[in-house]
Amino acid sequence: MPFHSAASAKVLLAYQSPDDIKRIINEKSLPKYTSKTIINPKKLEEHLSEIRHKGFSICNEELEEGIKAISAPVKNIDRETIASITITGLSKKLPSSNIKKFIKILVNSAQELSGMLG
């Protein structure tokens, strides 16, 4: 799963240490899968910072045209991100008007799952 273009992988990467993020970005290539794929390392770092701030990731056709995904982190008792949960669907079936509802449900579910682990 490409760490720079899949919602779930971006969530996992976003919650790593800054040093680990830089190392991973610099060690790996950033292939372009669609016109929306982030291939600039600096822009990817900014995007990961935004994910940490918002608490979720959206992949809007970055990996595959016509596919949208939303992902949220699952954390352990020490607040470390250990997994992610994701909603994936066809872009045309996940319109922007419903995305906020999906985000709320997904983030709440991830927090509930995190609570069960702690």
N, C-alpha and C. Protein backbone atom coordinates (compact mmCIF):
# COMPACT_ATOMS: atom_id res chain seq x y z
N MET A 1 0.85 -1.17 0.00
CA MET A 1 0.00 0.00 0.00
C MET A 1 0.91 1.24 0.00
N PRO A 2 0.78 2.10 -0.98
CA PRO A 2 1.65 3.27 -1.07
C PRO A 2 1.43 4.25 0.09
N PHE A 3 2.50 4.55 0.80
CA PHE A 3 2.39 5.39 2.00
C PHE A 3 2.04 6.83 1.67
N HIS A 4 2.21 7.26 0.44
CA HIS A 4 1.98 8.65 0.09
C HIS A 4 0.66 8.90 -0.64
N SER A 5 -0.09 7.82 -0.92
CA SER A 5 -1.31 8.03 -1.70
C SER A 5 -2.52 7.24 -1.22
N ALA A 6 -2.37 6.41 -0.22
CA ALA A 6 -3.50 5.66 0.34
C ALA A 6 -3.88 6.29 1.69
N ALA A 7 -5.15 6.51 1.90
CA ALA A 7 -5.62 7.18 3.12
C ALA A 7 -5.13 6.48 4.38
N SER A 8 -5.26 5.17 4.44
CA SER A 8 -4.86 4.44 5.65
C SER A 8 -3.36 4.51 5.88
N ALA A 9 -2.58 4.40 4.84
CA ALA A 9 -1.12 4.47 4.98
C ALA A 9 -0.67 5.88 5.37
N LYS A 10 -1.34 6.89 4.82
CA LYS A 10 -0.98 8.27 5.19
C LYS A 10 -1.27 8.53 6.66
N VAL A 11 -2.36 7.97 7.18
CA VAL A 11 -2.65 8.13 8.61
C VAL A 11 -1.54 7.48 9.44
N LEU A 12 -1.15 6.28 9.07
CA LEU A 12 -0.09 5.59 9.82
C LEU A 12 1.21 6.38 9.77
N LEU A 13 1.56 6.91 8.61
CA LEU A 13 2.78 7.69 8.48
C LEU A 13 2.69 9.02 9.23
N ALA A 14 1.56 9.67 9.16
CA ALA A 14 1.40 10.99 9.78
C ALA A 14 1.68 10.99 11.28
N TYR A 15 1.40 9.88 11.94
CA TYR A 15 1.57 9.82 13.39
C TYR A 15 2.90 9.20 13.82
N GLN A 16 3.85 9.09 12.90
CA GLN A 16 5.20 8.66 13.26
C GLN A 16 5.98 9.89 13.74
N SER A 17 7.15 9.67 14.28
CA SER A 17 7.99 10.79 14.73
C SER A 17 8.43 11.61 13.51
N PRO A 18 8.70 12.90 13.72
CA PRO A 18 9.16 13.72 12.60
C PRO A 18 10.40 13.14 11.90
N ASP A 19 11.33 12.59 12.69
CA ASP A 19 12.53 11.99 12.10
C ASP A 19 12.18 10.79 11.24
N ASP A 20 11.28 9.94 11.74
CA ASP A 20 10.87 8.77 10.96
C ASP A 20 10.15 9.18 9.68
N ILE A 21 9.31 10.20 9.77
CA ILE A 21 8.60 10.68 8.57
C ILE A 21 9.60 11.13 7.52
N LYS A 22 10.56 11.96 7.91
CA LYS A 22 11.57 12.45 6.96
C LYS A 22 12.37 11.30 6.36
N ARG A 23 12.77 10.35 7.21
CA ARG A 23 13.56 9.21 6.75
C ARG A 23 12.77 8.40 5.72
N ILE A 24 11.52 8.09 6.04
CA ILE A 24 10.69 7.28 5.15
C ILE A 24 10.46 8.00 3.82
N ILE A 25 10.14 9.27 3.88
CA ILE A 25 9.90 10.04 2.65
C ILE A 25 11.16 10.09 1.80
N ASN A 26 12.31 10.27 2.44
CA ASN A 26 13.56 10.39 1.69
C ASN A 26 14.07 9.05 1.16
N GLU A 27 13.72 7.95 1.82
CA GLU A 27 14.19 6.63 1.38
C GLU A 27 13.34 6.04 0.26
N LYS A 28 12.11 6.45 0.18
CA LYS A 28 11.17 5.84 -0.78
C LYS A 28 10.92 6.78 -1.96
N SER A 29 10.52 6.20 -3.05
CA SER A 29 10.11 7.02 -4.19
C SER A 29 8.64 7.38 -4.02
N LEU A 30 8.22 8.41 -4.70
CA LEU A 30 6.83 8.87 -4.64
C LEU A 30 6.23 8.77 -6.04
N PRO A 31 5.89 7.55 -6.47
CA PRO A 31 5.35 7.40 -7.82
C PRO A 31 4.00 8.08 -8.00
N LYS A 32 3.78 8.56 -9.19
CA LYS A 32 2.53 9.24 -9.52
C LYS A 32 1.55 8.21 -10.07
N TYR A 33 0.43 8.03 -9.36
CA TYR A 33 -0.60 7.08 -9.79
C TYR A 33 -1.72 7.76 -10.57
N THR A 34 -2.04 8.99 -10.17
CA THR A 34 -3.05 9.78 -10.86
C THR A 34 -2.58 11.23 -10.88
N SER A 35 -3.34 12.10 -11.49
CA SER A 35 -2.98 13.52 -11.52
C SER A 35 -3.08 14.15 -10.13
N LYS A 36 -3.71 13.47 -9.18
CA LYS A 36 -3.89 14.01 -7.83
C LYS A 36 -2.90 13.45 -6.81
N THR A 37 -2.03 12.54 -7.22
CA THR A 37 -1.05 11.96 -6.32
C THR A 37 -0.03 13.01 -5.89
N ILE A 38 0.26 13.07 -4.60
CA ILE A 38 1.29 13.97 -4.09
C ILE A 38 2.65 13.32 -4.34
N ILE A 39 3.48 13.98 -5.13
CA ILE A 39 4.79 13.42 -5.44
C ILE A 39 5.94 14.32 -4.97
N ASN A 40 5.62 15.46 -4.40
CA ASN A 40 6.62 16.38 -3.87
C ASN A 40 6.81 16.10 -2.38
N PRO A 41 8.03 15.76 -1.93
CA PRO A 41 8.25 15.43 -0.52
C PRO A 41 7.81 16.53 0.45
N LYS A 42 8.09 17.78 0.14
CA LYS A 42 7.71 18.89 1.02
C LYS A 42 6.19 18.99 1.13
N LYS A 43 5.49 18.86 0.01
CA LYS A 43 4.02 18.92 0.04
C LYS A 43 3.45 17.74 0.81
N LEU A 44 4.10 16.58 0.71
CA LEU A 44 3.64 15.42 1.46
C LEU A 44 3.80 15.67 2.96
N GLU A 45 4.93 16.23 3.37
CA GLU A 45 5.13 16.55 4.79
C GLU A 45 4.05 17.52 5.28
N GLU A 46 3.73 18.52 4.48
CA GLU A 46 2.68 19.48 4.85
C GLU A 46 1.33 18.77 4.95
N HIS A 47 1.06 17.87 4.03
CA HIS A 47 -0.20 17.12 4.03
C HIS A 47 -0.29 16.23 5.28
N LEU A 48 0.81 15.60 5.66
CA LEU A 48 0.82 14.76 6.86
C LEU A 48 0.59 15.59 8.12
N SER A 49 1.13 16.80 8.15
CA SER A 49 0.89 17.71 9.27
C SER A 49 -0.60 18.06 9.36
N GLU A 50 -1.21 18.29 8.22
CA GLU A 50 -2.65 18.58 8.16
C GLU A 50 -3.47 17.38 8.67
N ILE A 51 -3.05 16.18 8.32
CA ILE A 51 -3.74 14.97 8.80
C ILE A 51 -3.67 14.91 10.32
N ARG A 52 -2.49 15.15 10.89
CA ARG A 52 -2.35 15.14 12.36
C ARG A 52 -3.26 16.19 13.00
N HIS A 53 -3.32 17.36 12.38
CA HIS A 53 -4.14 18.45 12.93
C HIS A 53 -5.63 18.10 12.87
N LYS A 54 -6.09 17.54 11.76
CA LYS A 54 -7.51 17.23 11.58
C LYS A 54 -7.92 15.93 12.25
N GLY A 55 -6.99 14.97 12.33
CA GLY A 55 -7.30 13.69 12.95
C GLY A 55 -7.85 12.65 11.98
N PHE A 56 -7.72 12.89 10.69
CA PHE A 56 -8.16 11.93 9.68
C PHE A 56 -7.49 12.27 8.35
N SER A 57 -7.57 11.32 7.42
CA SER A 57 -7.01 11.50 6.09
C SER A 57 -8.08 11.23 5.04
N ILE A 58 -8.04 12.02 3.99
CA ILE A 58 -8.92 11.77 2.85
C ILE A 58 -8.03 11.53 1.63
N CYS A 59 -8.31 10.48 0.93
CA CYS A 59 -7.64 10.19 -0.34
C CYS A 59 -8.69 10.36 -1.43
N ASN A 60 -8.57 11.44 -2.16
CA ASN A 60 -9.55 11.75 -3.20
C ASN A 60 -8.93 11.46 -4.57
N GLU A 61 -9.02 10.20 -4.97
CA GLU A 61 -8.51 9.77 -6.27
C GLU A 61 -7.00 9.94 -6.41
N GLU A 62 -6.26 9.85 -5.30
CA GLU A 62 -4.80 9.96 -5.35
C GLU A 62 -4.14 8.65 -5.76
N LEU A 63 -4.79 7.55 -5.45
CA LEU A 63 -4.23 6.24 -5.77
C LEU A 63 -4.89 5.63 -7.02
N GLU A 64 -6.19 5.85 -7.13
CA GLU A 64 -6.95 5.28 -8.25
C GLU A 64 -8.06 6.26 -8.62
N GLU A 65 -8.15 6.62 -9.88
CA GLU A 65 -9.23 7.51 -10.30
C GLU A 65 -10.57 6.85 -10.04
N GLY A 66 -11.49 7.65 -9.51
CA GLY A 66 -12.83 7.15 -9.22
C GLY A 66 -12.99 6.54 -7.84
N ILE A 67 -11.91 6.51 -7.05
CA ILE A 67 -11.96 5.93 -5.71
C ILE A 67 -11.61 6.99 -4.67
N LYS A 68 -12.43 7.07 -3.63
CA LYS A 68 -12.22 8.00 -2.53
C LYS A 68 -12.16 7.18 -1.24
N ALA A 69 -11.30 7.59 -0.31
CA ALA A 69 -11.19 6.89 0.97
C ALA A 69 -10.97 7.91 2.09
N ILE A 70 -11.49 7.56 3.26
CA ILE A 70 -11.31 8.36 4.47
C ILE A 70 -10.76 7.41 5.52
N SER A 71 -9.75 7.85 6.25
CA SER A 71 -9.12 6.99 7.24
C SER A 71 -8.87 7.76 8.53
N ALA A 72 -8.98 7.05 9.66
CA ALA A 72 -8.73 7.65 10.98
C ALA A 72 -7.83 6.71 11.79
N PRO A 73 -7.02 7.29 12.68
CA PRO A 73 -6.09 6.47 13.46
C PRO A 73 -6.76 5.74 14.62
N VAL A 74 -6.24 4.55 14.89
CA VAL A 74 -6.61 3.78 16.08
C VAL A 74 -5.38 3.81 16.97
N LYS A 75 -5.59 4.20 18.24
CA LYS A 75 -4.46 4.39 19.15
C LYS A 75 -4.53 3.44 20.34
N ASN A 76 -3.36 3.13 20.87
CA ASN A 76 -3.31 2.27 22.06
C ASN A 76 -3.40 3.11 23.32
N ILE A 77 -3.26 2.47 24.47
CA ILE A 77 -3.39 3.16 25.75
C ILE A 77 -2.37 4.29 25.92
N ASP A 78 -1.22 4.17 25.23
CA ASP A 78 -0.17 5.18 25.30
C ASP A 78 -0.35 6.28 24.24
N ARG A 79 -1.50 6.26 23.55
CA ARG A 79 -1.85 7.24 22.51
C ARG A 79 -0.96 7.12 21.27
N GLU A 80 -0.36 5.95 21.10
CA GLU A 80 0.43 5.68 19.90
C GLU A 80 -0.50 5.13 18.82
N THR A 81 -0.34 5.60 17.60
CA THR A 81 -1.15 5.08 16.50
C THR A 81 -0.64 3.69 16.14
N ILE A 82 -1.53 2.71 16.24
CA ILE A 82 -1.15 1.33 15.98
C ILE A 82 -1.86 0.75 14.75
N ALA A 83 -2.88 1.45 14.28
CA ALA A 83 -3.66 0.96 13.14
C ALA A 83 -4.49 2.11 12.59
N SER A 84 -5.22 1.83 11.54
CA SER A 84 -6.17 2.82 11.01
C SER A 84 -7.41 2.07 10.54
N ILE A 85 -8.53 2.77 10.55
CA ILE A 85 -9.75 2.22 9.96
C ILE A 85 -10.16 3.15 8.82
N THR A 86 -10.74 2.55 7.80
CA THR A 86 -10.96 3.29 6.56
C THR A 86 -12.32 2.98 5.96
N ILE A 87 -12.91 4.00 5.36
CA ILE A 87 -14.09 3.86 4.52
C ILE A 87 -13.62 4.14 3.10
N THR A 88 -13.87 3.21 2.20
CA THR A 88 -13.47 3.38 0.80
C THR A 88 -14.69 3.19 -0.09
N GLY A 89 -14.82 4.03 -1.09
CA GLY A 89 -15.95 3.89 -1.99
C GLY A 89 -15.70 4.60 -3.31
N LEU A 90 -16.66 4.47 -4.19
CA LEU A 90 -16.59 5.16 -5.47
C LEU A 90 -16.79 6.65 -5.23
N SER A 91 -15.98 7.47 -5.86
CA SER A 91 -16.07 8.92 -5.67
C SER A 91 -17.47 9.44 -5.94
N LYS A 92 -18.11 8.93 -6.97
CA LYS A 92 -19.44 9.43 -7.32
C LYS A 92 -20.50 9.01 -6.29
N LYS A 93 -20.21 7.99 -5.48
CA LYS A 93 -21.14 7.54 -4.44
C LYS A 93 -20.83 8.16 -3.08
N LEU A 94 -19.68 8.84 -2.99
CA LEU A 94 -19.29 9.53 -1.76
C LEU A 94 -19.17 11.02 -2.05
N PRO A 95 -20.29 11.69 -2.32
CA PRO A 95 -20.22 13.10 -2.68
C PRO A 95 -19.75 13.97 -1.51
N SER A 96 -19.21 15.11 -1.86
CA SER A 96 -18.69 16.03 -0.85
C SER A 96 -19.74 16.40 0.19
N SER A 97 -21.01 16.42 -0.21
CA SER A 97 -22.08 16.78 0.72
C SER A 97 -22.22 15.77 1.86
N ASN A 98 -21.79 14.53 1.65
CA ASN A 98 -21.89 13.50 2.70
C ASN A 98 -20.58 13.22 3.42
N ILE A 99 -19.49 13.79 2.94
CA ILE A 99 -18.18 13.47 3.51
C ILE A 99 -18.10 13.81 4.99
N LYS A 100 -18.65 14.95 5.40
CA LYS A 100 -18.59 15.33 6.82
C LYS A 100 -19.26 14.29 7.71
N LYS A 101 -20.37 13.72 7.24
CA LYS A 101 -21.06 12.67 8.00
C LYS A 101 -20.17 11.44 8.12
N PHE A 102 -19.57 11.03 7.01
CA PHE A 102 -18.69 9.87 7.03
C PHE A 102 -17.49 10.10 7.95
N ILE A 103 -16.91 11.30 7.89
CA ILE A 103 -15.75 11.62 8.74
C ILE A 103 -16.13 11.51 10.21
N LYS A 104 -17.26 12.10 10.58
CA LYS A 104 -17.69 12.06 11.98
C LYS A 104 -17.89 10.62 12.45
N ILE A 105 -18.57 9.82 11.66
CA ILE A 105 -18.81 8.42 12.03
C ILE A 105 -17.49 7.66 12.13
N LEU A 106 -16.61 7.86 11.17
CA LEU A 106 -15.34 7.14 11.15
C LEU A 106 -14.44 7.54 12.32
N VAL A 107 -14.30 8.83 12.58
CA VAL A 107 -13.46 9.29 13.69
C VAL A 107 -14.02 8.80 15.02
N ASN A 108 -15.34 8.88 15.19
CA ASN A 108 -15.95 8.37 16.42
C ASN A 108 -15.71 6.88 16.58
N SER A 109 -15.81 6.14 15.49
CA SER A 109 -15.58 4.69 15.54
C SER A 109 -14.12 4.38 15.89
N ALA A 110 -13.19 5.13 15.32
CA ALA A 110 -11.77 4.93 15.62
C ALA A 110 -11.49 5.24 17.09
N GLN A 111 -12.11 6.30 17.61
CA GLN A 111 -11.92 6.64 19.02
C GLN A 111 -12.53 5.58 19.93
N GLU A 112 -13.68 5.07 19.55
CA GLU A 112 -14.32 4.01 20.34
C GLU A 112 -13.45 2.75 20.35
N LEU A 113 -12.94 2.39 19.20
CA LEU A 113 -12.06 1.22 19.11
C LEU A 113 -10.79 1.44 19.93
N SER A 114 -10.24 2.64 19.86
CA SER A 114 -9.05 2.96 20.65
C SER A 114 -9.35 2.81 22.14
N GLY A 115 -10.52 3.28 22.57
CA GLY A 115 -10.91 3.14 23.97
C GLY A 115 -11.04 1.70 24.41
N MET A 116 -11.51 0.85 23.53
CA MET A 116 -11.63 -0.57 23.85
C MET A 116 -10.27 -1.23 24.03
N LEU A 117 -9.27 -0.68 23.36
CA LEU A 117 -7.92 -1.25 23.45
C LEU A 117 -7.20 -0.81 24.71
N GLY A 118 -7.67 0.31 25.30
CA GLY A 118 -6.96 0.85 26.45
C GLY A 118 -7.61 0.52 27.72
